[in-house]
Structures are given as C-alpha cells and as structure tokens.
Amino acid sequence: MTVTSGGSESTNRTDIEEFDVLVVGAGIAGVGGAYHLSTQRPDSTFVVLESQDNFGGTWRSHNYPGIRSDSDLHTYGYKFKPWTGPPIATAEEILNYMGEVIDENDLSGHIRYNHKITSAKWSSEENRWFIEATQTDTGDSRYFSANFLWMCQGYYRHSEGFTPDWPGMDDYQGQIVHSETWPKDLDYVDKKVIVVGSGATSATLIPAIADSCEHVTLVQRSPIYYGTGRNQNELADMLREIEVDDEWIHEIVRRKIIHDQSIFHRRTFEEPEVVKEELLTAVRDILGPDYDIDTHFTPDYRPWRQRVALVPDGDFFESIKSGQVSVETDEIETFTSTGVVLKSGAVLEADIVVAATGFNMNVLGDIDFSIDDQPLVFSDTVNYRGMMFTGIPNLLWVFGYFRGSWTVRADLLSDFVCRLLTHMDDKDAQRVEVKLRPEDEDMELLPWQDPENFNPGYLTRAMPLLPKSGAKPEWHHSQNLAEDLKVIPGIDLDGEEFVWG
C-alpha cells in the first residue's frame, strides 16, 4: 500500500491499519467515546490506543494511598450506566465500574494497550490522519490511519509531576517522592512524613496514611477552599428505599446535582463572601473555634478561581483534629540532611517528603503533530467551544470542566462527535474544520482561560502552549455546564464557522 503522509512524503507500507475513527486514550473519556461509537455509529470502524497496560487513565496511573474521586460519581459516572455506590468513590471502585462498561458492551476488542502515540500527521491529499505508535512492551512501531482523530487523553502528564526546584534537595538523606509517581512499595509506617502542597491530593493522601505514620505535617504555601459533607446522597438513598429503578435514580440525582452545582457556581460570582463564609464555617465546625482557620484554611482568592476540593465525611480535618496531622502555612527555604527549614525559621524533620505539588499538563497528548508536513503550533490556533481548533481538520479534543465532573462534558462531546460524523456522511464530506467567520476577523484574541476566572499553577504554566480564545461565546471553553447542555446539542453544523470538504 502506498500512503502519502503529510502531503508530500510518500512511504511504502503494508502494515498500516485503517479505521474511520482513532480514539486516543482508554481513560474515562476514551472508554465512554468507544461506547458511544459502538451504539450510535455501529457501522464505523474504530480503535482506541492506550499507552498504559490497561484501561483507567488517571485511576490506573495514580498509586498514592487513598486515591478517590474529587467529583461525585453520579456525574463523574457515565450518563448511560447508573452509579449505585457512594458518591465519592475509590480508584478501585471506578476501575470496576469502567470494566463493567467495557465488558457489557464488548469494547475490549477495540482497545490496544501499551500503544504510545509518537506522531500524528494529517494529509490533505488523503484526507486522513497517519499515526505512529510505539508498543511499549516490545518497543515495536505500529502504524494506523484514520479519517477522524478523537483526543481523549486527558491533561495529566502521567510520567512526571511538577516538583519545584527547592534548594538543598541533594543534601536530603530521606526519600522524596511525588504523588504522581508514588512507589508502590513505599514504607511510611511509623515514619515522620512531610506532605508539601495544598489541594485535593493532599486532602486525600493525608487521612489515608495518618494512622500509620508517626506524624504527618502538611506544608502549604497558601490554603485552598474545601467542601465537606457526608459521603452519601440522601436523594439517591430515598429513591432506592421506595424501589425506584436505578436508571431513573441515576438520571434524577444527576440532574439535581448538576442543577445545584450550577447554582453554586453562579453564587460564587454573585455573592462570593457569603459562599466563602459557608465553606469556612464547615471547616470551623470540625476543627473547633480555637483552631487558626484564618492562617491555615482561609484563601486569599475568591472561591471560583480554583477548584473546591471535596473532603468526604471531613476525614482530612478529623486527622488534624486528632493531632495526627499538623499544618504549616509557609514556604520551604531549604532542605537539610534531615528535613526542611521554612522561611519562618521553623525546622521540620522528616523521613519522607511527599511533593503533592501538582502536575504538568500534556498538550494534545505530547504527540508530535503536523499538518501537511508542517509542524502544528497549537498555540497559534483559536479554539471553538474548547473542542475543535482553527486549521486542524477532523479532530476533536475532550477537555472537561475545571470545577465539575469531567465525564459530563465527555458524554456531551461524544454525542456531538457522533452527530458530526453522521453529518459528514450525509454531506459525503471527507473533512471538516472550523474557521473564523468574516465577522470574527477583528475579534480580540485572549488566553485559553481568563486567569482572573481560573488560575491554578498547572494551567498558568501551560498557558503559552494552549490555543487562543476569542471574545465571542463560540470561540472559548465556557466552563459552564448549564450553558453547554443547552448550546452544544443545538450547534448548527452548517453554520459559517464549519468548513466541509
């Protein structure tokens, strides 16, 4: 078979597997995408390429103790499969749930594990993507082509986390580990442990290890907001008690949660001080009136600017209350051979230092992309509703919600992809891309996300690599689920922003 790759470079290959759709990643979005393709587009051929040795994405790659969801599973679960367990679930429970989706829908034959994509080349002459992947268990190269590329790889760079370059790290005689690459054999029993970094990871990890350690100290540069509450959904429990079908319960509870989250999100803009006090009062109720909430748990930003971390049953704060965990709101001045010195002068000794300091984003899966032999500069493109990009044909990227469940948007975009592909068939078109309309030519171009709206470190560090947003609603990722649920299903695929060929 002779293939024109990138429009000018011809290679003679007989080992290219051809598909209608290639899905990148077998995490929560990729498995969901496979389900939607198999049910909505049963005549389409597709393959899912996954770099790890099994499905699960984040829930497979993260090994730190206590790992659990930071979203409720009524919305983090798929819309098509009821969730019947506790709202906040462990990684094992989520993997079991995903495994059931794969088994019940006969999806395993579509998934290729240990396939790490190294390059993706679009050929306008062939109207296809040409994909090279390395089989990580053998080192062999594998080649694929597809008409449409569906990017479901998430945004974690699983191979490494973000670790600041602290002075004196080489002098430290203990272990430094990152939560992103937690060693499965790490022995923390009866050890003094420092966990560096505020956020959902710290709040999850600390209560899971606190009982086993001699002591745990959280060192945070600045606090974040936490949401506390019981790990149960009273509405779901009541509906189960009166024997409502699981499918109905899932839909009703899902809608109620999305409705409540929309109200909360609006309130963070309209009455931020009221929301702030509500969140802090819940923490104060656990830690008591004498705890220094102002220093350790009162952020200097308004609630909407970073994600609120969920603490089911207040377990993180109960660990602090018990004395097993202490909190230092300060910065590391330097490491020593036995621990760290903080900028305040405080000296902390530790056998293990855990860097729960965030992650690095991968941008389009860290894949080498090109369009007709020209390297793709992703930051030169303009995003269309956070999913398609000017100048990039036949590609959609699933990028979820910062403040809500990733899967709600993944399901929504799965429906959109299937509708897009069907429209492509109806028009007998081989390619589709988005372009700025004449009325958009003078539109102001902005960063991917407004830093005044949402500004965690991982996003700030990656912003120069991400596409531009526009000042009009079509040309940015709104991060507004209620808006997306109304707008995305009704997108006019014959609108002037779509170019069919």
Protein backbone atom coordinates (compact mmCIF):
# COMPACT_ATOMS: atom_id res chain seq x y z
CA MET A 1 0.00 0.00 0.00
CA THR A 2 1.38 3.41 -0.94
CA VAL A 3 0.50 6.13 1.54
CA THR A 4 1.05 9.84 1.16
CA SER A 5 1.85 11.05 4.63
CA GLY A 6 1.70 14.77 5.28
CA GLY A 7 1.02 15.63 1.65
CA SER A 8 4.46 15.20 0.14
CA GLU A 9 6.44 12.40 1.78
CA SER A 10 5.46 9.01 0.33
CA THR A 11 6.20 5.79 2.12
CA ASN A 12 5.50 2.24 1.01
CA ARG A 13 3.91 0.41 3.90
CA THR A 14 1.78 -2.69 4.04
CA ASP A 15 1.29 -2.65 7.81
CA ILE A 16 -0.98 0.37 8.26
CA GLU A 17 -4.28 -0.45 9.91
CA GLU A 18 -7.11 1.76 8.67
CA PHE A 19 -10.06 2.96 10.73
CA ASP A 20 -12.79 5.54 10.45
CA VAL A 21 -12.06 6.90 13.93
CA LEU A 22 -8.99 6.66 16.17
CA VAL A 23 -9.57 7.40 19.86
CA VAL A 24 -6.57 8.46 21.92
CA GLY A 25 -6.69 7.12 25.47
CA ALA A 26 -8.70 4.49 27.35
CA GLY A 27 -9.46 6.59 30.39
CA ILE A 28 -12.91 7.75 31.44
CA ALA A 29 -13.43 9.78 28.24
CA GLY A 30 -11.96 7.24 25.82
CA VAL A 31 -13.97 4.31 27.14
CA GLY A 32 -17.08 6.48 27.04
CA GLY A 33 -16.27 7.52 23.49
CA ALA A 34 -15.91 3.88 22.48
CA TYR A 35 -19.33 3.12 23.94
CA HIS A 36 -20.97 5.99 22.06
CA LEU A 37 -19.33 5.00 18.78
CA SER A 38 -20.42 1.39 19.18
CA THR A 39 -24.03 2.35 19.92
CA GLN A 40 -24.55 5.47 17.80
CA ARG A 41 -22.23 4.59 14.90
CA PRO A 42 -22.28 0.78 14.77
CA ASP A 43 -21.07 0.72 11.15
CA SER A 44 -17.98 2.82 11.87
CA THR A 45 -14.64 1.16 12.39
CA PHE A 46 -12.64 2.49 15.31
CA VAL A 47 -9.71 1.74 17.55
CA VAL A 48 -8.68 3.07 20.97
CA LEU A 49 -4.94 3.42 21.59
CA GLU A 50 -3.84 3.45 25.22
CA SER A 51 -0.24 3.90 26.39
CA GLN A 52 -0.72 2.07 29.70
CA ASP A 53 -1.13 -1.68 30.05
CA ASN A 54 -4.82 -1.44 30.89
CA PHE A 55 -7.79 0.94 30.88
CA GLY A 56 -8.42 3.59 33.50
CA GLY A 57 -6.17 6.57 32.77
CA THR A 58 -5.67 8.55 35.97
CA TRP A 59 -7.21 5.78 38.05
CA ARG A 60 -4.63 3.35 36.70
CA SER A 61 -1.55 5.58 36.82
CA HIS A 62 -2.04 7.08 40.28
CA ASN A 63 -0.98 4.79 43.12
CA TYR A 64 -0.87 7.01 46.19
CA PRO A 65 -2.83 5.78 49.22
CA GLY A 66 -6.48 6.72 49.48
CA ILE A 67 -6.87 7.83 45.87
CA ARG A 68 -10.50 8.64 45.23
CA SER A 69 -12.67 10.81 43.05
CA ASP A 70 -12.89 14.55 43.60
CA SER A 71 -16.30 14.59 41.92
CA ASP A 72 -19.45 12.69 42.78
CA LEU A 73 -19.90 9.52 40.74
CA HIS A 74 -23.48 10.35 39.81
CA THR A 75 -21.99 12.95 37.46
CA TYR A 76 -18.48 11.52 37.06
CA GLY A 77 -20.10 8.25 36.09
CA TYR A 78 -21.47 7.91 32.58
CA LYS A 79 -24.96 9.10 31.77
CA PHE A 80 -25.75 5.69 30.26
CA LYS A 81 -24.72 3.50 33.22
CA PRO A 82 -26.17 4.09 36.70
CA TRP A 83 -23.82 4.53 39.62
CA THR A 84 -25.07 2.72 42.73
CA GLY A 85 -22.20 3.17 45.19
CA PRO A 86 -21.17 6.05 47.47
CA PRO A 87 -20.90 9.44 45.68
CA ILE A 88 -17.15 9.78 46.32
CA ALA A 89 -15.53 6.57 45.13
CA THR A 90 -12.13 4.92 45.35
CA ALA A 91 -9.97 4.31 42.29
CA GLU A 92 -10.70 0.57 42.59
CA GLU A 93 -14.45 1.19 42.52
CA ILE A 94 -14.13 3.46 39.49
CA LEU A 95 -11.98 0.91 37.64
CA ASN A 96 -14.53 -1.82 38.37
CA TYR A 97 -17.28 0.42 37.01
CA MET A 98 -15.31 1.15 33.83
CA GLY A 99 -14.51 -2.53 33.45
CA GLU A 100 -18.22 -3.32 33.54
CA VAL A 101 -18.83 -0.80 30.74
CA ILE A 102 -16.15 -2.48 28.62
CA ASP A 103 -17.44 -5.99 29.30
CA GLU A 104 -21.14 -5.23 28.97
CA ASN A 105 -20.64 -3.52 25.62
CA ASP A 106 -17.96 -5.79 24.16
CA LEU A 107 -15.45 -2.95 23.82
CA SER A 108 -12.23 -4.80 24.69
CA GLY A 109 -11.61 -5.84 21.08
CA HIS A 110 -11.41 -2.17 20.08
CA ILE A 111 -8.72 -1.23 22.63
CA ARG A 112 -4.97 -1.64 22.06
CA TYR A 113 -2.95 -1.33 25.26
CA ASN A 114 0.76 -0.45 25.51
CA HIS A 115 0.45 1.76 22.41
CA LYS A 116 2.06 5.16 22.96
CA ILE A 117 1.43 7.53 20.07
CA THR A 118 4.57 9.39 18.98
CA SER A 119 3.36 11.25 15.89
CA ALA A 120 0.14 12.25 14.13
CA LYS A 121 0.34 13.57 10.57
CA TRP A 122 -2.58 14.97 8.62
CA SER A 123 -2.55 14.54 4.84
CA SER A 124 -4.87 16.83 2.90
CA GLU A 125 -4.25 14.74 -0.20
CA GLU A 126 -5.55 11.62 1.54
CA ASN A 127 -7.89 13.43 3.97
CA ARG A 128 -6.62 11.17 6.73
CA TRP A 129 -4.53 11.14 9.86
CA PHE A 130 -1.46 8.89 9.86
CA ILE A 131 -0.46 7.72 13.32
CA GLU A 132 2.76 6.14 14.52
CA ALA A 133 2.77 4.45 17.91
CA THR A 134 5.39 2.62 19.91
CA GLN A 135 4.35 -0.63 21.52
CA THR A 136 5.74 -0.01 24.99
CA ASP A 137 6.04 -3.66 25.99
CA THR A 138 8.08 -4.66 22.92
CA GLY A 139 9.50 -1.40 21.53
CA ASP A 140 8.00 -2.13 18.11
CA SER A 141 6.42 0.58 15.97
CA ARG A 142 2.79 0.33 14.89
CA TYR A 143 1.09 2.35 12.17
CA PHE A 144 -2.52 3.43 11.81
CA SER A 145 -4.59 5.75 9.66
CA ALA A 146 -7.98 7.24 10.45
CA ASN A 147 -10.32 9.77 8.97
CA PHE A 148 -11.10 11.30 12.37
CA LEU A 149 -8.95 11.73 15.47
CA TRP A 150 -10.68 11.89 18.85
CA MET A 151 -8.37 13.13 21.60
CA CYS A 152 -9.47 11.61 24.93
CA GLN A 153 -6.06 11.54 26.59
CA GLY A 154 -6.92 13.92 29.44
CA TYR A 155 -4.48 16.57 30.53
CA TYR A 156 -2.16 14.88 33.05
CA ARG A 157 1.37 14.06 32.03
CA HIS A 158 1.37 10.76 33.87
CA SER A 159 5.11 10.19 33.60
CA GLU A 160 6.01 13.04 35.94
CA GLY A 161 4.56 15.54 38.36
CA PHE A 162 5.51 19.14 38.92
CA THR A 163 8.21 19.49 41.58
CA PRO A 164 9.67 22.90 42.48
CA ASP A 165 13.44 23.15 42.49
CA TRP A 166 13.97 23.63 46.21
CA PRO A 167 17.47 24.49 47.47
CA GLY A 168 19.32 21.69 49.23
CA MET A 169 17.32 18.79 47.82
CA ASP A 170 20.52 16.90 47.04
CA ASP A 171 21.57 17.16 50.68
CA TYR A 172 18.44 15.46 51.99
CA GLN A 173 19.11 11.90 53.20
CA GLY A 174 15.49 10.78 53.32
CA GLN A 175 13.13 9.92 50.46
CA ILE A 176 11.49 12.50 48.21
CA VAL A 177 8.52 11.14 46.30
CA HIS A 178 5.90 12.77 44.12
CA SER A 179 2.26 11.80 44.46
CA GLU A 180 2.05 11.47 40.66
CA THR A 181 4.67 8.68 40.65
CA TRP A 182 4.10 7.11 44.05
CA PRO A 183 6.27 3.99 44.61
CA LYS A 184 4.02 1.03 45.32
CA ASP A 185 6.48 -0.33 47.89
CA LEU A 186 6.97 2.93 49.84
CA ASP A 187 7.16 2.18 53.57
CA TYR A 188 5.77 5.07 55.60
CA VAL A 189 4.79 3.11 58.73
CA ASP A 190 6.00 4.85 61.91
CA LYS A 191 7.78 7.45 59.79
CA LYS A 192 7.72 11.23 60.05
CA VAL A 193 6.25 12.48 56.80
CA ILE A 194 6.00 15.95 55.29
CA VAL A 195 3.42 16.46 52.56
CA VAL A 196 4.07 19.60 50.53
CA GLY A 197 1.20 21.26 48.70
CA SER A 198 -2.41 22.11 49.35
CA GLY A 199 -5.12 20.60 47.22
CA ALA A 200 -7.27 17.56 46.64
CA THR A 201 -4.29 15.20 46.52
CA SER A 202 -3.03 16.23 49.96
CA ALA A 203 -6.53 16.10 51.42
CA THR A 204 -6.94 12.58 50.02
CA LEU A 205 -3.49 11.20 50.84
CA ILE A 206 -3.05 12.52 54.36
CA PRO A 207 -6.03 10.83 56.09
CA ALA A 208 -5.13 7.57 54.30
CA ILE A 209 -1.62 7.44 55.82
CA ALA A 210 -2.02 9.40 59.06
CA ASP A 211 -2.95 6.38 61.22
CA SER A 212 0.20 4.53 60.13
CA CYS A 213 2.75 7.34 60.35
CA GLU A 214 4.49 8.65 63.43
CA HIS A 215 3.30 12.09 62.37
CA VAL A 216 2.32 13.93 59.20
CA THR A 217 2.94 17.62 58.58
CA LEU A 218 1.24 19.44 55.74
CA VAL A 219 3.38 22.29 54.41
CA GLN A 220 1.36 24.58 52.19
CA ARG A 221 2.39 27.85 50.62
CA SER A 222 -1.21 29.05 50.70
CA PRO A 223 -4.57 27.47 51.57
CA ILE A 224 -7.39 26.49 49.24
CA TYR A 225 -11.13 26.04 49.73
CA TYR A 226 -12.55 22.71 50.82
CA GLY A 227 -16.06 21.33 50.65
CA THR A 228 -17.07 18.95 53.45
CA GLY A 229 -20.07 16.68 53.77
CA ARG A 230 -21.20 13.11 54.26
CA ASN A 231 -20.25 10.62 51.57
CA GLN A 232 -23.81 9.79 50.68
CA ASN A 233 -26.63 11.25 48.61
CA GLU A 234 -29.86 11.46 50.57
CA LEU A 235 -32.00 11.79 47.44
CA ALA A 236 -30.50 8.63 45.93
CA ASP A 237 -30.95 6.75 49.21
CA MET A 238 -34.58 7.82 49.48
CA LEU A 239 -35.35 6.81 45.89
CA ARG A 240 -33.72 3.41 46.45
CA GLU A 241 -35.78 2.95 49.60
CA ILE A 242 -39.01 3.33 47.60
CA GLU A 243 -37.60 0.95 44.96
CA VAL A 244 -37.25 3.34 42.04
CA ASP A 245 -35.31 1.83 39.13
CA ASP A 246 -31.56 2.51 39.15
CA GLU A 247 -31.78 4.16 35.70
CA TRP A 248 -34.35 6.66 36.98
CA ILE A 249 -32.39 7.29 40.19
CA HIS A 250 -29.22 7.96 38.21
CA GLU A 251 -30.92 10.44 35.90
CA ILE A 252 -32.84 12.24 38.65
CA VAL A 253 -29.87 12.52 41.01
CA ARG A 254 -27.57 13.51 38.15
CA ARG A 255 -29.89 16.34 37.13
CA LYS A 256 -30.28 17.50 40.73
CA ILE A 257 -26.50 17.62 41.28
CA ILE A 258 -25.90 19.49 38.01
CA HIS A 259 -28.66 21.94 38.97
CA ASP A 260 -27.17 22.50 42.44
CA GLN A 261 -23.65 22.91 41.05
CA SER A 262 -24.90 25.50 38.58
CA ILE A 263 -26.46 27.48 41.42
CA PHE A 264 -23.28 27.22 43.50
CA HIS A 265 -21.14 28.34 40.57
CA ARG A 266 -23.39 31.36 40.00
CA ARG A 267 -23.32 32.24 43.69
CA THR A 268 -19.51 32.28 43.73
CA PHE A 269 -19.72 35.18 41.30
CA GLU A 270 -22.77 36.94 42.73
CA GLU A 271 -22.10 36.56 46.47
CA PRO A 272 -18.52 35.33 46.89
CA GLU A 273 -18.17 36.47 50.51
CA VAL A 274 -21.28 34.55 51.55
CA VAL A 275 -20.03 31.39 49.83
CA LYS A 276 -16.60 31.86 51.37
CA GLU A 277 -18.06 32.08 54.86
CA GLU A 278 -20.20 28.99 54.30
CA LEU A 279 -17.15 26.95 53.28
CA LEU A 280 -15.04 28.20 56.19
CA THR A 281 -17.83 27.63 58.71
CA ALA A 282 -17.99 23.96 57.72
CA VAL A 283 -14.25 23.61 58.40
CA ARG A 284 -14.53 25.53 61.66
CA ASP A 285 -17.32 23.24 62.82
CA ILE A 286 -14.92 20.27 62.66
CA LEU A 287 -11.68 21.86 63.90
CA GLY A 288 -13.31 23.96 66.61
CA PRO A 289 -13.27 27.68 67.39
CA ASP A 290 -9.70 27.72 68.73
CA TYR A 291 -8.03 26.43 65.56
CA ASP A 292 -6.29 29.09 63.45
CA ILE A 293 -8.62 28.91 60.46
CA ASP A 294 -7.57 32.38 59.28
CA THR A 295 -3.97 31.32 58.72
CA HIS A 296 -4.32 27.76 57.52
CA PHE A 297 -7.68 27.50 55.73
CA THR A 298 -8.67 30.97 54.54
CA PRO A 299 -7.52 31.51 50.94
CA ASP A 300 -6.65 34.95 49.61
CA TYR A 301 -8.70 34.43 46.44
CA ARG A 302 -12.42 34.23 45.78
CA PRO A 303 -13.96 30.74 45.61
CA TRP A 304 -14.40 30.49 41.85
CA ARG A 305 -10.74 30.96 40.91
CA GLN A 306 -9.66 27.42 41.82
CA ARG A 307 -11.49 24.15 42.24
CA VAL A 308 -13.06 23.46 45.63
CA ALA A 309 -11.56 20.21 46.95
CA LEU A 310 -14.07 17.72 48.36
CA VAL A 311 -13.40 16.14 51.76
CA PRO A 312 -15.97 13.37 52.30
CA ASP A 313 -17.02 12.96 55.92
CA GLY A 314 -14.43 15.61 56.82
CA ASP A 315 -11.73 12.92 57.13
CA PHE A 316 -8.83 15.28 56.34
CA PHE A 317 -9.90 17.70 59.07
CA GLU A 318 -10.62 14.87 61.52
CA SER A 319 -6.96 13.80 61.10
CA ILE A 320 -5.85 17.30 62.02
CA LYS A 321 -8.26 17.44 64.95
CA SER A 322 -6.92 14.14 66.31
CA GLY A 323 -3.36 15.51 66.46
CA GLN A 324 -2.03 13.02 63.90
CA VAL A 325 -1.55 15.84 61.40
CA SER A 326 -0.24 19.38 61.79
CA VAL A 327 -0.33 22.21 59.28
CA GLU A 328 2.36 24.76 58.45
CA THR A 329 1.35 27.56 56.10
CA ASP A 330 4.76 28.68 54.96
CA GLU A 331 7.33 28.17 52.22
CA ILE A 332 10.37 25.91 52.15
CA GLU A 333 13.58 27.89 52.48
CA THR A 334 15.87 24.89 52.04
CA PHE A 335 16.20 21.19 52.54
CA THR A 336 18.67 19.87 55.08
CA SER A 337 20.04 16.37 55.50
CA THR A 338 17.18 15.51 57.86
CA GLY A 339 14.26 17.62 56.70
CA VAL A 340 13.40 21.17 55.73
CA VAL A 341 13.77 24.69 57.04
CA LEU A 342 10.82 27.00 56.41
CA LYS A 343 11.11 30.69 55.61
CA SER A 344 9.74 31.46 59.08
CA GLY A 345 12.79 29.66 60.52
CA ALA A 346 10.84 26.61 61.65
CA VAL A 347 12.79 23.34 61.32
CA LEU A 348 10.89 20.21 60.37
CA GLU A 349 12.45 16.75 60.39
CA ALA A 350 11.12 14.01 58.14
CA ASP A 351 11.96 10.53 56.94
CA ILE A 352 9.88 11.08 53.78
CA VAL A 353 8.90 14.25 51.92
CA VAL A 354 5.94 13.90 49.58
CA ALA A 355 5.64 16.51 46.83
CA ALA A 356 1.90 16.86 46.24
CA THR A 357 2.71 19.98 44.26
CA GLY A 358 0.56 19.46 41.20
CA PHE A 359 1.11 18.10 37.74
CA ASN A 360 2.33 19.13 34.34
CA MET A 361 -0.23 19.33 31.57
CA ASN A 362 0.23 17.38 28.41
CA VAL A 363 -0.96 19.34 25.41
CA LEU A 364 -2.61 17.10 22.83
CA GLY A 365 -1.00 14.11 24.49
CA ASP A 366 2.57 15.38 23.98
CA ILE A 367 2.26 13.97 20.46
CA ASP A 368 4.30 15.33 17.54
CA PHE A 369 1.57 16.77 15.30
CA SER A 370 1.92 18.05 11.76
CA ILE A 371 -0.45 19.29 9.08
CA ASP A 372 0.74 18.56 5.53
CA ASP A 373 4.33 18.22 6.72
CA GLN A 374 4.20 21.50 8.67
CA PRO A 375 4.64 21.19 12.45
CA LEU A 376 1.45 22.10 14.27
CA VAL A 377 1.84 25.10 16.57
CA PHE A 378 -1.19 24.54 18.78
CA SER A 379 -0.94 27.96 20.42
CA ASP A 380 -1.46 29.62 17.01
CA THR A 381 -4.94 28.14 16.70
CA VAL A 382 -8.23 29.50 18.05
CA ASN A 383 -10.47 27.09 19.92
CA TYR A 384 -14.11 26.51 19.02
CA ARG A 385 -16.07 25.87 22.24
CA GLY A 386 -12.99 24.23 23.72
CA MET A 387 -13.16 21.18 21.45
CA MET A 388 -12.15 21.99 17.84
CA PHE A 389 -9.43 24.31 16.55
CA THR A 390 -8.90 26.52 13.54
CA GLY A 391 -6.67 24.94 10.93
CA ILE A 392 -6.86 21.40 12.35
CA PRO A 393 -9.12 19.12 10.28
CA ASN A 394 -11.05 16.12 11.57
CA LEU A 395 -10.00 16.39 15.19
CA LEU A 396 -11.82 16.93 18.46
CA TRP A 397 -10.26 17.27 21.91
CA VAL A 398 -12.20 16.36 25.04
CA PHE A 399 -11.36 18.91 27.70
CA GLY A 400 -13.66 18.77 30.69
CA TYR A 401 -14.72 21.15 33.44
CA PHE A 402 -12.33 22.61 35.96
CA ARG A 403 -15.00 22.88 38.66
CA GLY A 404 -17.21 19.93 37.80
CA SER A 405 -17.18 16.37 36.55
CA TRP A 406 -15.05 15.63 33.50
CA THR A 407 -17.42 12.92 32.32
CA VAL A 408 -20.45 15.16 31.90
CA ARG A 409 -18.65 17.05 29.15
CA ALA A 410 -17.11 13.85 27.77
CA ASP A 411 -20.60 12.40 27.33
CA LEU A 412 -21.84 15.64 25.80
CA LEU A 413 -18.97 15.78 23.31
CA SER A 414 -19.41 12.09 22.49
CA ASP A 415 -22.90 12.87 21.26
CA PHE A 416 -21.50 15.81 19.29
CA VAL A 417 -18.77 13.70 17.63
CA CYS A 418 -21.29 11.08 16.54
CA ARG A 419 -23.58 13.78 15.16
CA LEU A 420 -20.64 15.44 13.40
CA LEU A 421 -19.59 12.16 11.78
CA THR A 422 -23.14 11.42 10.67
CA HIS A 423 -23.40 14.89 9.16
CA MET A 424 -20.12 14.24 7.38
CA ASP A 425 -21.65 11.09 5.87
CA ASP A 426 -24.81 12.94 4.87
CA LYS A 427 -22.78 15.59 3.07
CA ASP A 428 -20.47 12.97 1.54
CA ALA A 429 -17.62 15.01 3.02
CA GLN A 430 -14.19 13.69 3.91
CA ARG A 431 -13.05 16.54 6.12
CA VAL A 432 -14.35 19.23 8.41
CA GLU A 433 -12.63 22.02 10.27
CA VAL A 434 -13.58 25.29 11.91
CA LYS A 435 -12.61 28.78 10.79
CA LEU A 436 -13.13 32.32 11.94
CA ARG A 437 -16.06 33.92 10.15
CA PRO A 438 -15.78 37.32 8.45
CA GLU A 439 -17.42 38.92 11.48
CA ASP A 440 -14.74 37.35 13.71
CA GLU A 441 -11.73 38.78 11.89
CA ASP A 442 -11.39 41.76 14.25
CA MET A 443 -12.29 39.76 17.35
CA GLU A 444 -9.93 40.17 20.29
CA LEU A 445 -7.90 37.02 20.97
CA LEU A 446 -7.44 36.02 24.57
CA PRO A 447 -5.70 33.27 26.61
CA TRP A 448 -7.25 29.78 26.75
CA GLN A 449 -8.70 30.72 30.15
CA ASP A 450 -9.03 34.08 31.83
CA PRO A 451 -6.58 33.99 34.78
CA GLU A 452 -8.99 36.16 36.74
CA ASN A 453 -11.54 33.39 36.36
CA PHE A 454 -9.44 30.26 36.96
CA ASN A 455 -5.72 30.21 37.68
CA PRO A 456 -4.22 27.05 39.22
CA GLY A 457 -0.49 26.61 38.73
CA TYR A 458 -0.67 23.77 36.20
CA LEU A 459 -2.85 25.88 33.90
CA THR A 460 -0.76 29.02 34.30
CA ARG A 461 2.41 27.09 33.42
CA ALA A 462 0.82 25.57 30.30
CA MET A 463 -0.99 28.66 29.02
CA PRO A 464 1.67 29.60 26.42
CA LEU A 465 1.20 26.19 24.78
CA LEU A 466 -2.60 26.28 24.58
CA PRO A 467 -4.85 27.68 21.84
CA LYS A 468 -6.26 31.16 21.95
CA SER A 469 -9.79 32.02 22.93
CA GLY A 470 -11.94 34.65 21.29
CA ALA A 471 -14.11 37.34 22.82
CA LYS A 472 -17.27 35.72 21.39
CA PRO A 473 -19.05 32.74 23.00
CA GLU A 474 -18.30 30.36 20.11
CA TRP A 475 -14.58 30.80 20.47
CA HIS A 476 -13.88 29.82 24.04
CA HIS A 477 -14.44 26.97 26.50
CA SER A 478 -17.16 28.44 28.69
CA GLN A 479 -16.60 26.02 31.61
CA ASN A 480 -20.34 26.47 32.11
CA LEU A 481 -22.11 23.12 32.09
CA ALA A 482 -25.62 24.56 32.13
CA GLU A 483 -24.77 26.64 29.05
CA ASP A 484 -23.11 23.72 27.24
CA LEU A 485 -26.07 21.41 27.86
CA LYS A 486 -28.25 23.89 26.00
CA VAL A 487 -25.84 25.05 23.30
CA ILE A 488 -23.73 22.10 22.15
CA PRO A 489 -26.61 19.75 21.17
CA GLY A 490 -28.10 22.56 19.09
CA ILE A 491 -24.94 23.62 17.21
CA ASP A 492 -25.75 24.27 13.55
CA LEU A 493 -23.25 22.08 11.71
CA ASP A 494 -23.95 24.04 8.53
CA GLY A 495 -23.01 27.27 10.26
CA GLU A 496 -20.47 29.53 8.66
CA GLU A 497 -17.79 28.50 11.16
CA PHE A 498 -17.72 24.94 9.75
CA VAL A 499 -15.80 24.21 6.56
CA TRP A 500 -16.66 20.93 4.85
CA GLY A 501 -14.58 19.39 2.11
